[in-house]
């Protein structure tokens, strides 16, 4: 059977290094959902500046990656990646490095990059976006948080439980109000009135409502940013009383 056409549905360049060994339509026992499994095996070809004559193929490691769905059915790539052992140094094992695997996930990189754009730009929940593409919501949520969102490299990660600051959103007219997000925990929100509740509105989120904590946090903003403010609107709650 000619399987060359399948390459149009797979990550770019994948069939340059892998051969298709099977295409099956299977079913998950748990929820009876049908999916496609495409089995691939890496060719005996070492890439890079390595003398291949010094190595011999010594088995495979297997991974399964989820790719874009086809006709409403999930698609999984069952990939056998080859490993080579040095002929004289038995402990020296090498593998080819491929770019189609997204870091730390069970997704192809192309699908991971596509879903990141969807989560970042769509006004929708991660659960719904996952459902549209036949992915388990918990899987997408975990992958987005740990890898594709950039959360681990976020410059506010070290203090995000106590406060968040967005100095680029500051303006001449600000509002300060409190809000309970969950379990009765109160947070203070500082917003730019000119943002009109759209992107660029949020200036700061601060845990708690004590004025001394609010002042201490807002003083972390650069002076030239603070001097842009002409008016601040807030209610008359006792917590706003200056110390």
Foldseek 3Di string as FASTA:
>chain_A
DDPPVCQVQDPPPPVVFKDWDDWDWDADPPPRAIAIETEIEGDPDDDDDDDSVQKDWDFWDWAKAWEFGDPQHTYIYTYTWIKIAGPVHRVDIDGDDDQQCAPPARHGPVRLVVVLCCVVPPPDDLCVSCNVRVHHSVRNVVCCCPGVVCQVVDPCNVCVVFKDADLVLFAAEKEWDWDDDPPRWIKIWIFDVVCVPPPSTTGMIGTDQAQVRVVVVVVVHDPVSVVRYNYYDYDDDPRNDDD
